[in-house]
Amino acid sequence: MADNEELDVDLFPLETTQKPIEINVGSTLKDASDSFRRAFIMSTLKSTTGNRTKAAKILEVQRSYFSRLIKELEID
C-alpha cells in the first residue's frame, strides 16, 4: 500500500475473532486481574490442546510458575 492510498471500510472484517473483555464494575483490581489471567491462560491452553509445556513457552513463563498459576486460579 502506498503512502497516499486511502483505506476503505471494505478492507476490514465485520467481526473480530476475539471475544470482548468483560468488565465487572465493582469488582476489585485483584478479581479483575485474576479473571483476565484465567481467561488468557485458558485460551492459550485451548490453542495448545491442553499442552502445558507449550502454553508456558508461548506465554514466556517457567513451566513451574505456569503450574502454580493454574492451581492458584483454579483452572483444572
PDB file of N, CA and C in Angstrom:
ATOM      1  N   MET A   1       0.843  -1.183   0.000  1.00  0.00           N
ATOM      2  CA  MET A   1       0.000   0.000   0.000  1.00  0.00           C
ATOM      3  C   MET A   1       0.886   1.243   0.000  1.00  0.00           C
ATOM      4  N   ALA A   2       0.599   2.150  -0.869  1.00  0.00           N
ATOM      5  CA  ALA A   2       1.371   3.390  -0.971  1.00  0.00           C
ATOM      6  C   ALA A   2       0.938   4.362   0.115  1.00  0.00           C
ATOM      7  N   ASP A   3       1.818   5.305   0.422  1.00  0.00           N
ATOM      8  CA  ASP A   3       1.525   6.282   1.467  1.00  0.00           C
ATOM      9  C   ASP A   3       0.307   7.140   1.158  1.00  0.00           C
ATOM     10  N   ASN A   4       0.024   7.369  -0.109  1.00  0.00           N
ATOM     11  CA  ASN A   4      -1.073   8.272  -0.456  1.00  0.00           C
ATOM     12  C   ASN A   4      -2.396   7.547  -0.696  1.00  0.00           C
ATOM     13  N   GLU A   5      -2.441   6.227  -0.546  1.00  0.00           N
ATOM     14  CA  GLU A   5      -3.694   5.498  -0.742  1.00  0.00           C
ATOM     15  C   GLU A   5      -4.588   5.632   0.484  1.00  0.00           C
ATOM     16  N   GLU A   6      -5.885   5.675   0.238  1.00  0.00           N
ATOM     17  CA  GLU A   6      -6.843   5.754   1.333  1.00  0.00           C
ATOM     18  C   GLU A   6      -7.286   4.354   1.735  1.00  0.00           C
ATOM     19  N   LEU A   7      -7.587   4.200   3.003  1.00  0.00           N
ATOM     20  CA  LEU A   7      -8.126   2.935   3.492  1.00  0.00           C
ATOM     21  C   LEU A   7      -9.627   2.930   3.276  1.00  0.00           C
ATOM     22  N   ASP A   8     -10.136   1.831   2.794  1.00  0.00           N
ATOM     23  CA  ASP A   8     -11.568   1.701   2.560  1.00  0.00           C
ATOM     24  C   ASP A   8     -12.150   0.767   3.609  1.00  0.00           C
ATOM     25  N   VAL A   9     -13.357   1.034   4.049  1.00  0.00           N
ATOM     26  CA  VAL A   9     -14.003   0.241   5.081  1.00  0.00           C
ATOM     27  C   VAL A   9     -14.140  -1.222   4.668  1.00  0.00           C
ATOM     28  N   ASP A  10     -14.208  -1.497   3.383  1.00  0.00           N
ATOM     29  CA  ASP A  10     -14.338  -2.869   2.894  1.00  0.00           C
ATOM     30  C   ASP A  10     -13.086  -3.710   3.162  1.00  0.00           C
ATOM     31  N   LEU A  11     -11.993  -3.068   3.495  1.00  0.00           N
ATOM     32  CA  LEU A  11     -10.759  -3.790   3.775  1.00  0.00           C
ATOM     33  C   LEU A  11     -10.745  -4.423   5.161  1.00  0.00           C
ATOM     34  N   PHE A  12     -11.671  -4.026   6.000  1.00  0.00           N
ATOM     35  CA  PHE A  12     -11.688  -4.506   7.375  1.00  0.00           C
ATOM     36  C   PHE A  12     -12.808  -5.512   7.585  1.00  0.00           C
ATOM     37  N   PRO A  13     -12.547  -6.562   8.379  1.00  0.00           N
ATOM     38  CA  PRO A  13     -13.598  -7.557   8.635  1.00  0.00           C
ATOM     39  C   PRO A  13     -14.721  -6.960   9.479  1.00  0.00           C
ATOM     40  N   LEU A  14     -15.921  -7.499   9.295  1.00  0.00           N
ATOM     41  CA  LEU A  14     -17.064  -7.022  10.072  1.00  0.00           C
ATOM     42  C   LEU A  14     -16.988  -7.480  11.518  1.00  0.00           C
ATOM     43  N   GLU A  15     -16.459  -8.659  11.735  1.00  0.00           N
ATOM     44  CA  GLU A  15     -16.379  -9.205  13.083  1.00  0.00           C
ATOM     45  C   GLU A  15     -14.932  -9.507  13.425  1.00  0.00           C
ATOM     46  N   THR A  16     -14.630  -9.449  14.698  1.00  0.00           N
ATOM     47  CA  THR A  16     -13.308  -9.858  15.147  1.00  0.00           C
ATOM     48  C   THR A  16     -13.397 -11.288  15.648  1.00  0.00           C
ATOM     49  N   THR A  17     -12.273 -11.946  15.728  1.00  0.00           N
ATOM     50  CA  THR A  17     -12.266 -13.323  16.204  1.00  0.00           C
ATOM     51  C   THR A  17     -12.134 -13.394  17.716  1.00  0.00           C
ATOM     52  N   GLN A  18     -11.784 -12.295  18.341  1.00  0.00           N
ATOM     53  CA  GLN A  18     -11.632 -12.290  19.785  1.00  0.00           C
ATOM     54  C   GLN A  18     -12.911 -11.828  20.458  1.00  0.00           C
ATOM     55  N   LYS A  19     -13.186 -12.439  21.592  1.00  0.00           N
ATOM     56  CA  LYS A  19     -14.341 -12.027  22.379  1.00  0.00           C
ATOM     57  C   LYS A  19     -13.983 -10.759  23.148  1.00  0.00           C
ATOM     58  N   PRO A  20     -14.951  -9.884  23.360  1.00  0.00           N
ATOM     59  CA  PRO A  20     -14.655  -8.679  24.144  1.00  0.00           C
ATOM     60  C   PRO A  20     -14.376  -9.040  25.599  1.00  0.00           C
ATOM     61  N   ILE A  21     -13.572  -8.242  26.233  1.00  0.00           N
ATOM     62  CA  ILE A  21     -13.263  -8.452  27.643  1.00  0.00           C
ATOM     63  C   ILE A  21     -14.428  -7.941  28.469  1.00  0.00           C
ATOM     64  N   GLU A  22     -14.892  -8.785  29.375  1.00  0.00           N
ATOM     65  CA  GLU A  22     -15.981  -8.371  30.256  1.00  0.00           C
ATOM     66  C   GLU A  22     -15.407  -7.576  31.418  1.00  0.00           C
ATOM     67  N   ILE A  23     -16.033  -6.465  31.713  1.00  0.00           N
ATOM     68  CA  ILE A  23     -15.603  -5.631  32.827  1.00  0.00           C
ATOM     69  C   ILE A  23     -16.704  -5.641  33.873  1.00  0.00           C
ATOM     70  N   ASN A  24     -16.354  -6.136  35.042  1.00  0.00           N
ATOM     71  CA  ASN A  24     -17.316  -6.191  36.134  1.00  0.00           C
ATOM     72  C   ASN A  24     -17.092  -4.996  37.047  1.00  0.00           C
ATOM     73  N   VAL A  25     -17.883  -3.975  36.859  1.00  0.00           N
ATOM     74  CA  VAL A  25     -17.766  -2.780  37.682  1.00  0.00           C
ATOM     75  C   VAL A  25     -18.097  -3.165  39.119  1.00  0.00           C
ATOM     76  N   GLY A  26     -17.280  -2.718  40.032  1.00  0.00           N
ATOM     77  CA  GLY A  26     -17.494  -3.030  41.434  1.00  0.00           C
ATOM     78  C   GLY A  26     -16.593  -4.144  41.929  1.00  0.00           C
ATOM     79  N   SER A  27     -15.923  -4.840  41.009  1.00  0.00           N
ATOM     80  CA  SER A  27     -15.006  -5.881  41.461  1.00  0.00           C
ATOM     81  C   SER A  27     -13.666  -5.239  41.806  1.00  0.00           C
ATOM     82  N   THR A  28     -12.882  -5.955  42.564  1.00  0.00           N
ATOM     83  CA  THR A  28     -11.575  -5.426  42.947  1.00  0.00           C
ATOM     84  C   THR A  28     -10.594  -5.589  41.795  1.00  0.00           C
ATOM     85  N   LEU A  29      -9.494  -4.881  41.875  1.00  0.00           N
ATOM     86  CA  LEU A  29      -8.457  -4.996  40.857  1.00  0.00           C
ATOM     87  C   LEU A  29      -7.917  -6.422  40.819  1.00  0.00           C
ATOM     88  N   LYS A  30      -7.759  -7.040  41.984  1.00  0.00           N
ATOM     89  CA  LYS A  30      -7.271  -8.416  42.039  1.00  0.00           C
ATOM     90  C   LYS A  30      -8.251  -9.356  41.357  1.00  0.00           C
ATOM     91  N   ASP A  31      -9.550  -9.194  41.628  1.00  0.00           N
ATOM     92  CA  ASP A  31     -10.557 -10.051  40.989  1.00  0.00           C
ATOM     93  C   ASP A  31     -10.544  -9.876  39.473  1.00  0.00           C
ATOM     94  N   ALA A  32     -10.445  -8.635  39.022  1.00  0.00           N
ATOM     95  CA  ALA A  32     -10.418  -8.364  37.582  1.00  0.00           C
ATOM     96  C   ALA A  32      -9.156  -8.949  36.952  1.00  0.00           C
ATOM     97  N   SER A  33      -8.031  -8.791  37.638  1.00  0.00           N
ATOM     98  CA  SER A  33      -6.768  -9.335  37.144  1.00  0.00           C
ATOM     99  C   SER A  33      -6.819 -10.859  37.077  1.00  0.00           C
ATOM    100  N   ASP A  34      -7.337 -11.484  38.123  1.00  0.00           N
ATOM    101  CA  ASP A  34      -7.461 -12.945  38.145  1.00  0.00           C
ATOM    102  C   ASP A  34      -8.372 -13.430  37.030  1.00  0.00           C
ATOM    103  N   SER A  35      -9.457 -12.722  36.804  1.00  0.00           N
ATOM    104  CA  SER A  35     -10.398 -13.096  35.750  1.00  0.00           C
ATOM    105  C   SER A  35      -9.730 -13.020  34.381  1.00  0.00           C
ATOM    106  N   PHE A  36      -8.978 -11.953  34.149  1.00  0.00           N
ATOM    107  CA  PHE A  36      -8.265 -11.808  32.880  1.00  0.00           C
ATOM    108  C   PHE A  36      -7.219 -12.903  32.718  1.00  0.00           C
ATOM    109  N   ARG A  37      -6.412 -13.116  33.765  1.00  0.00           N
ATOM    110  CA  ARG A  37      -5.362 -14.138  33.681  1.00  0.00           C
ATOM    111  C   ARG A  37      -5.963 -15.523  33.452  1.00  0.00           C
ATOM    112  N   ARG A  38      -7.061 -15.818  34.126  1.00  0.00           N
ATOM    113  CA  ARG A  38      -7.729 -17.112  33.958  1.00  0.00           C
ATOM    114  C   ARG A  38      -8.168 -17.297  32.499  1.00  0.00           C
ATOM    115  N   ALA A  39      -8.837 -16.298  31.949  1.00  0.00           N
ATOM    116  CA  ALA A  39      -9.318 -16.384  30.563  1.00  0.00           C
ATOM    117  C   ALA A  39      -8.149 -16.477  29.581  1.00  0.00           C
ATOM    118  N   PHE A  40      -7.103 -15.714  29.820  1.00  0.00           N
ATOM    119  CA  PHE A  40      -5.937 -15.700  28.937  1.00  0.00           C
ATOM    120  C   PHE A  40      -5.228 -17.048  28.947  1.00  0.00           C
ATOM    121  N   ILE A  41      -5.049 -17.609  30.139  1.00  0.00           N
ATOM    122  CA  ILE A  41      -4.395 -18.911  30.264  1.00  0.00           C
ATOM    123  C   ILE A  41      -5.258 -20.004  29.647  1.00  0.00           C
ATOM    124  N   MET A  42      -6.554 -19.967  29.898  1.00  0.00           N
ATOM    125  CA  MET A  42      -7.447 -20.976  29.330  1.00  0.00           C
ATOM    126  C   MET A  42      -7.435 -20.914  27.804  1.00  0.00           C
ATOM    127  N   SER A  43      -7.406 -19.730  27.254  1.00  0.00           N
ATOM    128  CA  SER A  43      -7.346 -19.564  25.806  1.00  0.00           C
ATOM    129  C   SER A  43      -6.043 -20.132  25.243  1.00  0.00           C
ATOM    130  N   THR A  44      -4.951 -19.873  25.934  1.00  0.00           N
ATOM    131  CA  THR A  44      -3.657 -20.390  25.493  1.00  0.00           C
ATOM    132  C   THR A  44      -3.625 -21.908  25.595  1.00  0.00           C
ATOM    133  N   LEU A  45      -4.160 -22.451  26.674  1.00  0.00           N
ATOM    134  CA  LEU A  45      -4.222 -23.908  26.813  1.00  0.00           C
ATOM    135  C   LEU A  45      -5.074 -24.526  25.709  1.00  0.00           C
ATOM    136  N   LYS A  46      -6.158 -23.869  25.372  1.00  0.00           N
ATOM    137  CA  LYS A  46      -7.017 -24.374  24.298  1.00  0.00           C
ATOM    138  C   LYS A  46      -6.248 -24.402  22.980  1.00  0.00           C
ATOM    139  N   SER A  47      -5.460 -23.366  22.731  1.00  0.00           N
ATOM    140  CA  SER A  47      -4.713 -23.297  21.470  1.00  0.00           C
ATOM    141  C   SER A  47      -3.607 -24.349  21.393  1.00  0.00           C
ATOM    142  N   THR A  48      -3.202 -24.889  22.539  1.00  0.00           N
ATOM    143  CA  THR A  48      -2.168 -25.928  22.565  1.00  0.00           C
ATOM    144  C   THR A  48      -2.773 -27.292  22.876  1.00  0.00           C
ATOM    145  N   THR A  49      -4.077 -27.395  22.756  1.00  0.00           N
ATOM    146  CA  THR A  49      -4.831 -28.621  23.093  1.00  0.00           C
ATOM    147  C   THR A  49      -4.437 -29.172  24.460  1.00  0.00           C
ATOM    148  N   GLY A  50      -4.273 -28.251  25.408  1.00  0.00           N
ATOM    149  CA  GLY A  50      -4.011 -28.631  26.790  1.00  0.00           C
ATOM    150  C   GLY A  50      -2.557 -28.889  27.133  1.00  0.00           C
ATOM    151  N   ASN A  51      -1.655 -28.679  26.211  1.00  0.00           N
ATOM    152  CA  ASN A  51      -0.239 -28.930  26.464  1.00  0.00           C
ATOM    153  C   ASN A  51       0.336 -27.781  27.292  1.00  0.00           C
ATOM    154  N   ARG A  52       0.580 -28.056  28.561  1.00  0.00           N
ATOM    155  CA  ARG A  52       1.032 -27.013  29.484  1.00  0.00           C
ATOM    156  C   ARG A  52       2.440 -26.516  29.169  1.00  0.00           C
ATOM    157  N   THR A  53       3.295 -27.406  28.728  1.00  0.00           N
ATOM    158  CA  THR A  53       4.663 -27.001  28.392  1.00  0.00           C
ATOM    159  C   THR A  53       4.662 -26.020  27.227  1.00  0.00           C
ATOM    160  N   LYS A  54       3.901 -26.330  26.190  1.00  0.00           N
ATOM    161  CA  LYS A  54       3.807 -25.424  25.038  1.00  0.00           C
ATOM    162  C   LYS A  54       3.163 -24.103  25.439  1.00  0.00           C
ATOM    163  N   ALA A  55       2.113 -24.166  26.261  1.00  0.00           N
ATOM    164  CA  ALA A  55       1.429 -22.945  26.699  1.00  0.00           C
ATOM    165  C   ALA A  55       2.379 -22.054  27.495  1.00  0.00           C
ATOM    166  N   ALA A  56       3.166 -22.651  28.382  1.00  0.00           N
ATOM    167  CA  ALA A  56       4.130 -21.881  29.172  1.00  0.00           C
ATOM    168  C   ALA A  56       5.155 -21.210  28.264  1.00  0.00           C
ATOM    169  N   LYS A  57       5.598 -21.922  27.235  1.00  0.00           N
ATOM    170  CA  LYS A  57       6.563 -21.342  26.295  1.00  0.00           C
ATOM    171  C   LYS A  57       5.948 -20.176  25.535  1.00  0.00           C
ATOM    172  N   ILE A  58       4.704 -20.338  25.088  1.00  0.00           N
ATOM    173  CA  ILE A  58       4.016 -19.256  24.370  1.00  0.00           C
ATOM    174  C   ILE A  58       3.907 -18.019  25.254  1.00  0.00           C
ATOM    175  N   LEU A  59       3.577 -18.234  26.528  1.00  0.00           N
ATOM    176  CA  LEU A  59       3.405 -17.122  27.463  1.00  0.00           C
ATOM    177  C   LEU A  59       4.732 -16.624  28.039  1.00  0.00           C
ATOM    178  N   GLU A  60       5.820 -17.315  27.673  1.00  0.00           N
ATOM    179  CA  GLU A  60       7.166 -16.946  28.117  1.00  0.00           C
ATOM    180  C   GLU A  60       7.288 -16.912  29.634  1.00  0.00           C
ATOM    181  N   VAL A  61       6.793 -17.992  30.267  1.00  0.00           N
ATOM    182  CA  VAL A  61       6.941 -18.155  31.713  1.00  0.00           C
ATOM    183  C   VAL A  61       7.511 -19.545  31.982  1.00  0.00           C
ATOM    184  N   GLN A  62       8.125 -19.702  33.138  1.00  0.00           N
ATOM    185  CA  GLN A  62       8.638 -21.006  33.539  1.00  0.00           C
ATOM    186  C   GLN A  62       7.486 -21.991  33.701  1.00  0.00           C
ATOM    187  N   ARG A  63       7.726 -23.239  33.361  1.00  0.00           N
ATOM    188  CA  ARG A  63       6.691 -24.275  33.468  1.00  0.00           C
ATOM    189  C   ARG A  63       6.205 -24.408  34.911  1.00  0.00           C
ATOM    190  N   SER A  64       7.108 -24.316  35.887  1.00  0.00           N
ATOM    191  CA  SER A  64       6.723 -24.444  37.298  1.00  0.00           C
ATOM    192  C   SER A  64       5.824 -23.280  37.730  1.00  0.00           C
ATOM    193  N   TYR A  65       6.143 -22.065  37.270  1.00  0.00           N
ATOM    194  CA  TYR A  65       5.306 -20.905  37.589  1.00  0.00           C
ATOM    195  C   TYR A  65       3.938 -21.042  36.931  1.00  0.00           C
ATOM    196  N   PHE A  66       3.929 -21.541  35.700  1.00  0.00           N
ATOM    197  CA  PHE A  66       2.673 -21.743  34.983  1.00  0.00           C
ATOM    198  C   PHE A  66       1.780 -22.730  35.738  1.00  0.00           C
ATOM    199  N   SER A  67       2.360 -23.796  36.228  1.00  0.00           N
ATOM    200  CA  SER A  67       1.593 -24.783  37.009  1.00  0.00           C
ATOM    201  C   SER A  67       1.032 -24.157  38.279  1.00  0.00           C
ATOM    202  N   ARG A  68       1.831 -23.309  38.911  1.00  0.00           N
ATOM    203  CA  ARG A  68       1.371 -22.628  40.129  1.00  0.00           C
ATOM    204  C   ARG A  68       0.212 -21.684  39.817  1.00  0.00           C
ATOM    205  N   LEU A  69       0.283 -20.977  38.688  1.00  0.00           N
ATOM    206  CA  LEU A  69      -0.813 -20.092  38.279  1.00  0.00           C
ATOM    207  C   LEU A  69      -2.098 -20.883  38.042  1.00  0.00           C
ATOM    208  N   ILE A  70      -1.969 -22.015  37.377  1.00  0.00           N
ATOM    209  CA  ILE A  70      -3.130 -22.855  37.098  1.00  0.00           C
ATOM    210  C   ILE A  70      -3.796 -23.284  38.401  1.00  0.00           C
ATOM    211  N   LYS A  71      -2.978 -23.664  39.371  1.00  0.00           N
ATOM    212  CA  LYS A  71      -3.521 -24.075  40.673  1.00  0.00           C
ATOM    213  C   LYS A  71      -4.142 -22.877  41.398  1.00  0.00           C
ATOM    214  N   GLU A  72      -3.425 -21.755  41.415  1.00  0.00           N
ATOM    215  CA  GLU A  72      -3.889 -20.542  42.103  1.00  0.00           C
ATOM    216  C   GLU A  72      -5.208 -20.029  41.524  1.00  0.00           C
ATOM    217  N   LEU A  73      -5.333 -20.084  40.201  1.00  0.00           N
ATOM    218  CA  LEU A  73      -6.521 -19.561  39.527  1.00  0.00           C
ATOM    219  C   LEU A  73      -7.615 -20.619  39.366  1.00  0.00           C
ATOM    220  N   GLU A  74      -7.354 -21.786  39.919  1.00  0.00           N
ATOM    221  CA  GLU A  74      -8.327 -22.893  39.902  1.00  0.00           C
ATOM    222  C   GLU A  74      -8.782 -23.212  38.487  1.00  0.00           C
ATOM    223  N   ILE A  75      -7.827 -23.441  37.616  1.00  0.00           N
ATOM    224  CA  ILE A  75      -8.127 -23.735  36.203  1.00  0.00           C
ATOM    225  C   ILE A  75      -8.170 -25.241  35.993  1.00  0.00           C
ATOM    226  N   ASP A  76      -8.273 -26.122  36.729  1.00  0.00           N
ATOM    227  CA  ASP A  76      -8.230 -27.525  36.323  1.00  0.00           C
ATOM    228  C   ASP A  76      -9.517 -28.206  36.520  1.00  0.00           C
TER     229      ASP A  76
END
